[in-house]
């Protein structure tokens, strides 16, 4: 019996539910890194681990990334790392990159590339890590969690989470409630789990939440940073 994957995403108001079915391309096992570097159209900075930041730990993670024919990152793994604490944030960020497809003989092809992420702290300010060739941004201060606003942020870009393969095979369903910090530009600065039915869904929910985009919240006619809660529902249904 065939089954289709239904990922239902509800906003904190549970007013809107989106459904999607994702289909991934697996990289060939015998592929090797290519000397051709595709042009990145979207770069995502990883989160600096709080424990590493508190201990002033710095380092670099070199990732091996497979980019498919459409320019999507299908697989990311660590080639070399100065500290395991940086591995997970680097992989989570790299999976959100997109590229211009590489053409060979007039056709788009998939290939392996390497992405180095440097995690570095400045003396007078905490900064988020960025690719070696990227821009380093100053870490913002989070807003008060009980801040009352005149108008809540409005989602203008929603990204569906990927259903964990093991959970899908085992028929596991559930909801993850993510707490998102939305800045004055409508970007998701931080996403974390506030409640979950099953830990197997946590990473997928956070990865998707970080890619959302909003119209910022308003207070006295001016944009303000706020925290909101967005539930992600993972459900499997018959075709």
C-alpha atoms as a PDB file:
ATOM      1  CA  UNK A   1       0.000   0.000   0.000  1.00  0.00           C
ATOM      2  CA  UNK A   2       1.450   3.305  -1.079  1.00  0.00           C
ATOM      3  CA  UNK A   3       1.670   6.159   1.373  1.00  0.00           C
ATOM      4  CA  UNK A   4       2.294   9.838   0.840  1.00  0.00           C
ATOM      5  CA  UNK A   5       3.962  12.130   3.296  1.00  0.00           C
ATOM      6  CA  UNK A   6       1.867  15.004   4.554  1.00  0.00           C
ATOM      7  CA  UNK A   7       3.633  17.666   6.546  1.00  0.00           C
ATOM      8  CA  UNK A   8       1.152  20.064   8.046  1.00  0.00           C
ATOM      9  CA  UNK A   9       2.527  23.284   9.402  1.00  0.00           C
ATOM     10  CA  UNK A  10       0.357  25.468  11.602  1.00  0.00           C
ATOM     11  CA  UNK A  11       1.081  29.032  12.670  1.00  0.00           C
ATOM     12  CA  UNK A  12       0.860  29.842  16.377  1.00  0.00           C
ATOM     13  CA  UNK A  13      -2.786  30.732  15.771  1.00  0.00           C
ATOM     14  CA  UNK A  14      -3.326  27.325  14.113  1.00  0.00           C
ATOM     15  CA  UNK A  15      -5.283  29.213  11.463  1.00  0.00           C
ATOM     16  CA  UNK A  16      -3.335  28.121   8.407  1.00  0.00           C
ATOM     17  CA  UNK A  17      -2.096  24.647   7.513  1.00  0.00           C
ATOM     18  CA  UNK A  18       0.253  23.975   4.602  1.00  0.00           C
ATOM     19  CA  UNK A  19       1.003  20.604   3.109  1.00  0.00           C
ATOM     20  CA  UNK A  20       3.969  19.479   1.069  1.00  0.00           C
ATOM     21  CA  UNK A  21       5.577  16.380  -0.225  1.00  0.00           C
ATOM     22  CA  UNK A  22       9.368  16.427  -0.472  1.00  0.00           C
ATOM     23  CA  UNK A  23      11.368  14.286  -2.820  1.00  0.00           C
ATOM     24  CA  UNK A  24      15.135  14.181  -2.496  1.00  0.00           C
ATOM     25  CA  UNK A  25      17.874  13.124  -4.840  1.00  0.00           C
ATOM     26  CA  UNK A  26      20.507  10.884  -3.296  1.00  0.00           C
ATOM     27  CA  UNK A  27      24.110  11.558  -4.358  1.00  0.00           C
ATOM     28  CA  UNK A  28      25.934   8.730  -6.121  1.00  0.00           C
ATOM     29  CA  UNK A  29      28.130   6.732  -3.744  1.00  0.00           C
ATOM     30  CA  UNK A  30      31.168   6.892  -6.010  1.00  0.00           C
ATOM     31  CA  UNK A  31      31.126  10.686  -6.457  1.00  0.00           C
ATOM     32  CA  UNK A  32      34.210  12.661  -5.525  1.00  0.00           C
ATOM     33  CA  UNK A  33      34.552  16.393  -4.811  1.00  0.00           C
ATOM     34  CA  UNK A  34      34.588  18.475  -7.988  1.00  0.00           C
ATOM     35  CA  UNK A  35      37.152  21.118  -8.862  1.00  0.00           C
ATOM     36  CA  UNK A  36      34.285  23.249 -10.188  1.00  0.00           C
ATOM     37  CA  UNK A  37      32.725  25.447  -7.504  1.00  0.00           C
ATOM     38  CA  UNK A  38      29.063  26.379  -8.066  1.00  0.00           C
ATOM     39  CA  UNK A  39      27.941  29.933  -7.290  1.00  0.00           C
ATOM     40  CA  UNK A  40      25.987  30.223  -4.042  1.00  0.00           C
ATOM     41  CA  UNK A  41      22.644  32.049  -4.360  1.00  0.00           C
ATOM     42  CA  UNK A  42      21.794  31.742  -0.663  1.00  0.00           C
ATOM     43  CA  UNK A  43      24.206  31.480   2.266  1.00  0.00           C
ATOM     44  CA  UNK A  44      23.157  30.793   5.848  1.00  0.00           C
ATOM     45  CA  UNK A  45      25.282  31.520   8.897  1.00  0.00           C
ATOM     46  CA  UNK A  46      25.416  28.834  11.605  1.00  0.00           C
ATOM     47  CA  UNK A  47      24.517  29.546  15.213  1.00  0.00           C
ATOM     48  CA  UNK A  48      27.467  29.914  17.563  1.00  0.00           C
ATOM     49  CA  UNK A  49      27.087  27.229  20.301  1.00  0.00           C
ATOM     50  CA  UNK A  50      26.453  28.973  23.622  1.00  0.00           C
ATOM     51  CA  UNK A  51      28.836  26.682  25.520  1.00  0.00           C
ATOM     52  CA  UNK A  52      31.644  27.419  23.040  1.00  0.00           C
ATOM     53  CA  UNK A  53      30.880  31.144  23.174  1.00  0.00           C
ATOM     54  CA  UNK A  54      30.916  31.133  26.978  1.00  0.00           C
ATOM     55  CA  UNK A  55      34.267  29.337  27.024  1.00  0.00           C
ATOM     56  CA  UNK A  56      35.662  31.576  24.218  1.00  0.00           C
ATOM     57  CA  UNK A  57      36.279  28.543  22.009  1.00  0.00           C
ATOM     58  CA  UNK A  58      36.979  29.200  18.325  1.00  0.00           C
ATOM     59  CA  UNK A  59      37.598  26.914  15.373  1.00  0.00           C
ATOM     60  CA  UNK A  60      36.803  25.878  11.808  1.00  0.00           C
ATOM     61  CA  UNK A  61      34.656  23.108  10.350  1.00  0.00           C
ATOM     62  CA  UNK A  62      35.260  21.861   6.805  1.00  0.00           C
ATOM     63  CA  UNK A  63      32.157  20.308   5.256  1.00  0.00           C
ATOM     64  CA  UNK A  64      31.713  18.019   2.270  1.00  0.00           C
ATOM     65  CA  UNK A  65      28.450  19.031   0.598  1.00  0.00           C
ATOM     66  CA  UNK A  66      26.548  17.415  -2.276  1.00  0.00           C
ATOM     67  CA  UNK A  67      24.706  19.896  -4.534  1.00  0.00           C
ATOM     68  CA  UNK A  68      22.134  18.329  -6.862  1.00  0.00           C
ATOM     69  CA  UNK A  69      21.175  19.288 -10.414  1.00  0.00           C
ATOM     70  CA  UNK A  70      18.740  21.938  -9.146  1.00  0.00           C
ATOM     71  CA  UNK A  71      21.350  23.601  -6.926  1.00  0.00           C
ATOM     72  CA  UNK A  72      19.968  22.196  -3.657  1.00  0.00           C
ATOM     73  CA  UNK A  73      22.121  20.796  -0.852  1.00  0.00           C
ATOM     74  CA  UNK A  74      21.102  17.164  -0.482  1.00  0.00           C
ATOM     75  CA  UNK A  75      23.825  15.930   1.866  1.00  0.00           C
ATOM     76  CA  UNK A  76      26.391  17.543   4.177  1.00  0.00           C
ATOM     77  CA  UNK A  77      29.049  15.828   6.288  1.00  0.00           C
ATOM     78  CA  UNK A  78      32.119  16.861   8.256  1.00  0.00           C
ATOM     79  CA  UNK A  79      35.494  16.347   6.574  1.00  0.00           C
ATOM     80  CA  UNK A  80      37.559  17.963   9.311  1.00  0.00           C
ATOM     81  CA  UNK A  81      36.739  19.869  12.489  1.00  0.00           C
ATOM     82  CA  UNK A  82      38.681  21.798  15.121  1.00  0.00           C
ATOM     83  CA  UNK A  83      35.970  21.071  17.698  1.00  0.00           C
ATOM     84  CA  UNK A  84      32.927  18.715  17.569  1.00  0.00           C
ATOM     85  CA  UNK A  85      30.814  21.424  19.241  1.00  0.00           C
ATOM     86  CA  UNK A  86      30.705  23.282  15.921  1.00  0.00           C
ATOM     87  CA  UNK A  87      29.779  20.301  13.725  1.00  0.00           C
ATOM     88  CA  UNK A  88      25.993  20.260  14.111  1.00  0.00           C
ATOM     89  CA  UNK A  89      25.486  24.051  13.651  1.00  0.00           C
ATOM     90  CA  UNK A  90      27.698  23.987  10.548  1.00  0.00           C
ATOM     91  CA  UNK A  91      25.770  21.099   8.966  1.00  0.00           C
ATOM     92  CA  UNK A  92      22.382  22.642   9.808  1.00  0.00           C
ATOM     93  CA  UNK A  93      23.412  25.913   8.144  1.00  0.00           C
ATOM     94  CA  UNK A  94      24.925  24.295   5.046  1.00  0.00           C
ATOM     95  CA  UNK A  95      21.734  22.339   4.373  1.00  0.00           C
ATOM     96  CA  UNK A  96      19.939  25.647   3.859  1.00  0.00           C
ATOM     97  CA  UNK A  97      22.310  26.908   1.134  1.00  0.00           C
ATOM     98  CA  UNK A  98      21.253  27.042  -2.513  1.00  0.00           C
ATOM     99  CA  UNK A  99      23.427  27.292  -5.624  1.00  0.00           C
ATOM    100  CA  UNK A 100      23.270  28.021  -9.315  1.00  0.00           C
ATOM    101  CA  UNK A 101      23.375  24.592 -11.000  1.00  0.00           C
ATOM    102  CA  UNK A 102      26.683  23.612 -12.593  1.00  0.00           C
ATOM    103  CA  UNK A 103      26.405  22.895 -16.312  1.00  0.00           C
ATOM    104  CA  UNK A 104      28.386  20.240 -18.174  1.00  0.00           C
ATOM    105  CA  UNK A 105      27.830  19.693 -21.901  1.00  0.00           C
ATOM    106  CA  UNK A 106      24.736  21.875 -21.663  1.00  0.00           C
ATOM    107  CA  UNK A 107      23.105  19.874 -18.858  1.00  0.00           C
ATOM    108  CA  UNK A 108      22.930  20.548 -15.093  1.00  0.00           C
ATOM    109  CA  UNK A 109      24.881  18.066 -12.991  1.00  0.00           C
ATOM    110  CA  UNK A 110      25.198  17.244  -9.305  1.00  0.00           C
ATOM    111  CA  UNK A 111      28.577  17.517  -7.628  1.00  0.00           C
ATOM    112  CA  UNK A 112      30.428  17.552  -4.309  1.00  0.00           C
ATOM    113  CA  UNK A 113      31.911  20.792  -2.984  1.00  0.00           C
ATOM    114  CA  UNK A 114      33.683  21.831   0.216  1.00  0.00           C
ATOM    115  CA  UNK A 115      32.424  24.607   2.513  1.00  0.00           C
ATOM    116  CA  UNK A 116      34.595  25.845   5.420  1.00  0.00           C
ATOM    117  CA  UNK A 117      32.879  27.587   8.334  1.00  0.00           C
ATOM    118  CA  UNK A 118      35.021  29.681  10.659  1.00  0.00           C
ATOM    119  CA  UNK A 119      33.702  30.237  14.191  1.00  0.00           C
ATOM    120  CA  UNK A 120      35.466  33.267  15.610  1.00  0.00           C
ATOM    121  CA  UNK A 121      34.785  35.722  18.432  1.00  0.00           C
ATOM    122  CA  UNK A 122      35.909  39.332  18.457  1.00  0.00           C
ATOM    123  CA  UNK A 123      37.331  40.875  21.616  1.00  0.00           C
ATOM    124  CA  UNK A 124      34.645  43.487  22.211  1.00  0.00           C
ATOM    125  CA  UNK A 125      31.588  41.750  20.816  1.00  0.00           C
ATOM    126  CA  UNK A 126      30.053  38.336  20.326  1.00  0.00           C
ATOM    127  CA  UNK A 127      29.572  37.502  16.672  1.00  0.00           C
ATOM    128  CA  UNK A 128      27.897  34.719  14.736  1.00  0.00           C
ATOM    129  CA  UNK A 129      30.073  32.499  12.653  1.00  0.00           C
ATOM    130  CA  UNK A 130      30.076  32.759   8.886  1.00  0.00           C
ATOM    131  CA  UNK A 131      31.732  31.067   5.906  1.00  0.00           C
ATOM    132  CA  UNK A 132      35.355  32.074   5.509  1.00  0.00           C
ATOM    133  CA  UNK A 133      34.398  34.169   2.480  1.00  0.00           C
ATOM    134  CA  UNK A 134      31.203  35.506   4.065  1.00  0.00           C
ATOM    135  CA  UNK A 135      30.246  38.406   6.296  1.00  0.00           C
ATOM    136  CA  UNK A 136      30.389  38.300  10.079  1.00  0.00           C
ATOM    137  CA  UNK A 137      27.337  39.791  11.805  1.00  0.00           C
ATOM    138  CA  UNK A 138      27.024  41.176  15.322  1.00  0.00           C
ATOM    139  CA  UNK A 139      24.872  39.099  17.646  1.00  0.00           C
ATOM    140  CA  UNK A 140      21.697  40.903  18.667  1.00  0.00           C
ATOM    141  CA  UNK A 141      20.198  41.091  22.145  1.00  0.00           C
ATOM    142  CA  UNK A 142      16.984  39.024  22.479  1.00  0.00           C
ATOM    143  CA  UNK A 143      13.686  40.821  23.208  1.00  0.00           C
ATOM    144  CA  UNK A 144      11.673  40.417  26.408  1.00  0.00           C
ATOM    145  CA  UNK A 145       9.600  37.233  26.195  1.00  0.00           C
ATOM    146  CA  UNK A 146       6.476  38.938  27.614  1.00  0.00           C
ATOM    147  CA  UNK A 147       6.597  41.977  25.297  1.00  0.00           C
ATOM    148  CA  UNK A 148       3.107  43.124  24.239  1.00  0.00           C
ATOM    149  CA  UNK A 149       2.791  44.494  20.691  1.00  0.00           C
ATOM    150  CA  UNK A 150       0.101  46.249  18.675  1.00  0.00           C
ATOM    151  CA  UNK A 151       0.490  43.890  15.723  1.00  0.00           C
ATOM    152  CA  UNK A 152       1.958  40.392  15.661  1.00  0.00           C
ATOM    153  CA  UNK A 153       4.544  39.438  13.009  1.00  0.00           C
ATOM    154  CA  UNK A 154       3.051  38.073   9.774  1.00  0.00           C
ATOM    155  CA  UNK A 155       4.679  35.138   7.978  1.00  0.00           C
ATOM    156  CA  UNK A 156       5.567  35.936   4.353  1.00  0.00           C
ATOM    157  CA  UNK A 157       7.762  32.882   3.754  1.00  0.00           C
ATOM    158  CA  UNK A 158       7.086  29.455   5.239  1.00  0.00           C
ATOM    159  CA  UNK A 159       9.380  26.441   4.856  1.00  0.00           C
ATOM    160  CA  UNK A 160       8.152  22.898   5.374  1.00  0.00           C
ATOM    161  CA  UNK A 161      10.312  20.660   7.592  1.00  0.00           C
ATOM    162  CA  UNK A 162      11.693  17.421   6.231  1.00  0.00           C
ATOM    163  CA  UNK A 163      10.023  14.357   7.726  1.00  0.00           C
ATOM    164  CA  UNK A 164      12.773  12.290   9.451  1.00  0.00           C
ATOM    165  CA  UNK A 165      13.120   9.086   7.451  1.00  0.00           C
ATOM    166  CA  UNK A 166      13.235   6.823  10.509  1.00  0.00           C
ATOM    167  CA  UNK A 167      10.090   8.400  11.977  1.00  0.00           C
ATOM    168  CA  UNK A 168       8.295   8.026   8.633  1.00  0.00           C
ATOM    169  CA  UNK A 169       9.272   4.358   8.317  1.00  0.00           C
ATOM    170  CA  UNK A 170       8.110   3.663  11.893  1.00  0.00           C
ATOM    171  CA  UNK A 171       4.842   5.549  11.395  1.00  0.00           C
ATOM    172  CA  UNK A 172       5.646   8.086  14.125  1.00  0.00           C
ATOM    173  CA  UNK A 173       3.622  11.327  14.172  1.00  0.00           C
ATOM    174  CA  UNK A 174       3.689  14.364  16.445  1.00  0.00           C
ATOM    175  CA  UNK A 175       3.923  18.118  16.912  1.00  0.00           C
ATOM    176  CA  UNK A 176       6.898  20.322  17.779  1.00  0.00           C
ATOM    177  CA  UNK A 177       6.219  23.755  19.245  1.00  0.00           C
ATOM    178  CA  UNK A 178       9.103  26.055  18.293  1.00  0.00           C
ATOM    179  CA  UNK A 179       9.817  29.371  19.955  1.00  0.00           C
ATOM    180  CA  UNK A 180      11.121  31.899  17.413  1.00  0.00           C
ATOM    181  CA  UNK A 181      12.861  35.212  17.953  1.00  0.00           C
ATOM    182  CA  UNK A 182      11.829  37.552  15.127  1.00  0.00           C
ATOM    183  CA  UNK A 183      13.950  40.710  14.715  1.00  0.00           C
ATOM    184  CA  UNK A 184      12.909  44.165  13.474  1.00  0.00           C
ATOM    185  CA  UNK A 185      13.590  43.116   9.871  1.00  0.00           C
ATOM    186  CA  UNK A 186      11.360  40.048  10.115  1.00  0.00           C
ATOM    187  CA  UNK A 187      14.229  37.559  10.182  1.00  0.00           C
ATOM    188  CA  UNK A 188      14.320  34.521  12.475  1.00  0.00           C
ATOM    189  CA  UNK A 189      17.355  35.142  14.682  1.00  0.00           C
ATOM    190  CA  UNK A 190      16.840  32.070  16.854  1.00  0.00           C
ATOM    191  CA  UNK A 191      14.526  29.052  16.932  1.00  0.00           C
ATOM    192  CA  UNK A 192      14.316  26.581  19.790  1.00  0.00           C
ATOM    193  CA  UNK A 193      11.973  23.849  20.986  1.00  0.00           C
ATOM    194  CA  UNK A 194       9.537  24.830  23.719  1.00  0.00           C
ATOM    195  CA  UNK A 195       7.562  21.562  23.671  1.00  0.00           C
ATOM    196  CA  UNK A 196       7.683  18.380  21.588  1.00  0.00           C
ATOM    197  CA  UNK A 197       5.777  15.131  21.202  1.00  0.00           C
ATOM    198  CA  UNK A 198       8.948  13.343  20.101  1.00  0.00           C
ATOM    199  CA  UNK A 199      12.587  14.471  20.017  1.00  0.00           C
ATOM    200  CA  UNK A 200      13.043  12.840  16.599  1.00  0.00           C
ATOM    201  CA  UNK A 201      11.238  15.820  15.028  1.00  0.00           C
ATOM    202  CA  UNK A 202      13.103  18.608  16.851  1.00  0.00           C
ATOM    203  CA  UNK A 203      15.999  19.199  14.461  1.00  0.00           C
ATOM    204  CA  UNK A 204      13.773  19.171  11.373  1.00  0.00           C
ATOM    205  CA  UNK A 205      11.386  21.689  12.951  1.00  0.00           C
ATOM    206  CA  UNK A 206      14.192  24.049  13.994  1.00  0.00           C
ATOM    207  CA  UNK A 207      15.923  23.844  10.590  1.00  0.00           C
ATOM    208  CA  UNK A 208      12.670  24.763   8.848  1.00  0.00           C
ATOM    209  CA  UNK A 209      11.755  27.502  11.332  1.00  0.00           C
ATOM    210  CA  UNK A 210      15.057  29.313  10.838  1.00  0.00           C
ATOM    211  CA  UNK A 211      14.212  29.759   7.149  1.00  0.00           C
ATOM    212  CA  UNK A 212      10.889  31.517   7.736  1.00  0.00           C
ATOM    213  CA  UNK A 213      10.507  35.226   6.958  1.00  0.00           C
ATOM    214  CA  UNK A 214       8.043  37.679   8.509  1.00  0.00           C
ATOM    215  CA  UNK A 215       6.654  41.167   8.363  1.00  0.00           C
ATOM    216  CA  UNK A 216       7.953  42.444  11.726  1.00  0.00           C
ATOM    217  CA  UNK A 217       5.764  43.053  14.758  1.00  0.00           C
ATOM    218  CA  UNK A 218       4.706  46.645  15.366  1.00  0.00           C
ATOM    219  CA  UNK A 219       4.551  48.677  18.568  1.00  0.00           C
ATOM    220  CA  UNK A 220       3.491  52.315  18.425  1.00  0.00           C
ATOM    221  CA  UNK A 221       3.858  52.154  14.656  1.00  0.00           C
ATOM    222  CA  UNK A 222       7.480  50.973  14.763  1.00  0.00           C
ATOM    223  CA  UNK A 223       8.921  47.491  14.094  1.00  0.00           C
ATOM    224  CA  UNK A 224      10.056  45.623  17.206  1.00  0.00           C
ATOM    225  CA  UNK A 225      11.698  42.276  17.929  1.00  0.00           C
ATOM    226  CA  UNK A 226       9.489  39.635  19.575  1.00  0.00           C
ATOM    227  CA  UNK A 227       9.268  35.967  20.471  1.00  0.00           C
ATOM    228  CA  UNK A 228       6.467  33.878  18.947  1.00  0.00           C
ATOM    229  CA  UNK A 229       5.500  30.211  19.072  1.00  0.00           C
ATOM    230  CA  UNK A 230       4.994  28.224  15.870  1.00  0.00           C
ATOM    231  CA  UNK A 231       3.851  24.583  15.983  1.00  0.00           C
ATOM    232  CA  UNK A 232       5.027  22.179  13.292  1.00  0.00           C
ATOM    233  CA  UNK A 233       2.790  19.127  12.808  1.00  0.00           C
ATOM    234  CA  UNK A 234       4.283  15.916  11.416  1.00  0.00           C
ATOM    235  CA  UNK A 235       1.564  13.588  10.113  1.00  0.00           C
ATOM    236  CA  UNK A 236       1.489  10.548   7.821  1.00  0.00           C
ATOM    237  CA  UNK A 237      -1.657   9.783   5.857  1.00  0.00           C
ATOM    238  CA  UNK A 238      -2.785   7.333   3.160  1.00  0.00           C
ATOM    239  CA  UNK A 239      -2.572   8.400  -0.469  1.00  0.00           C
END
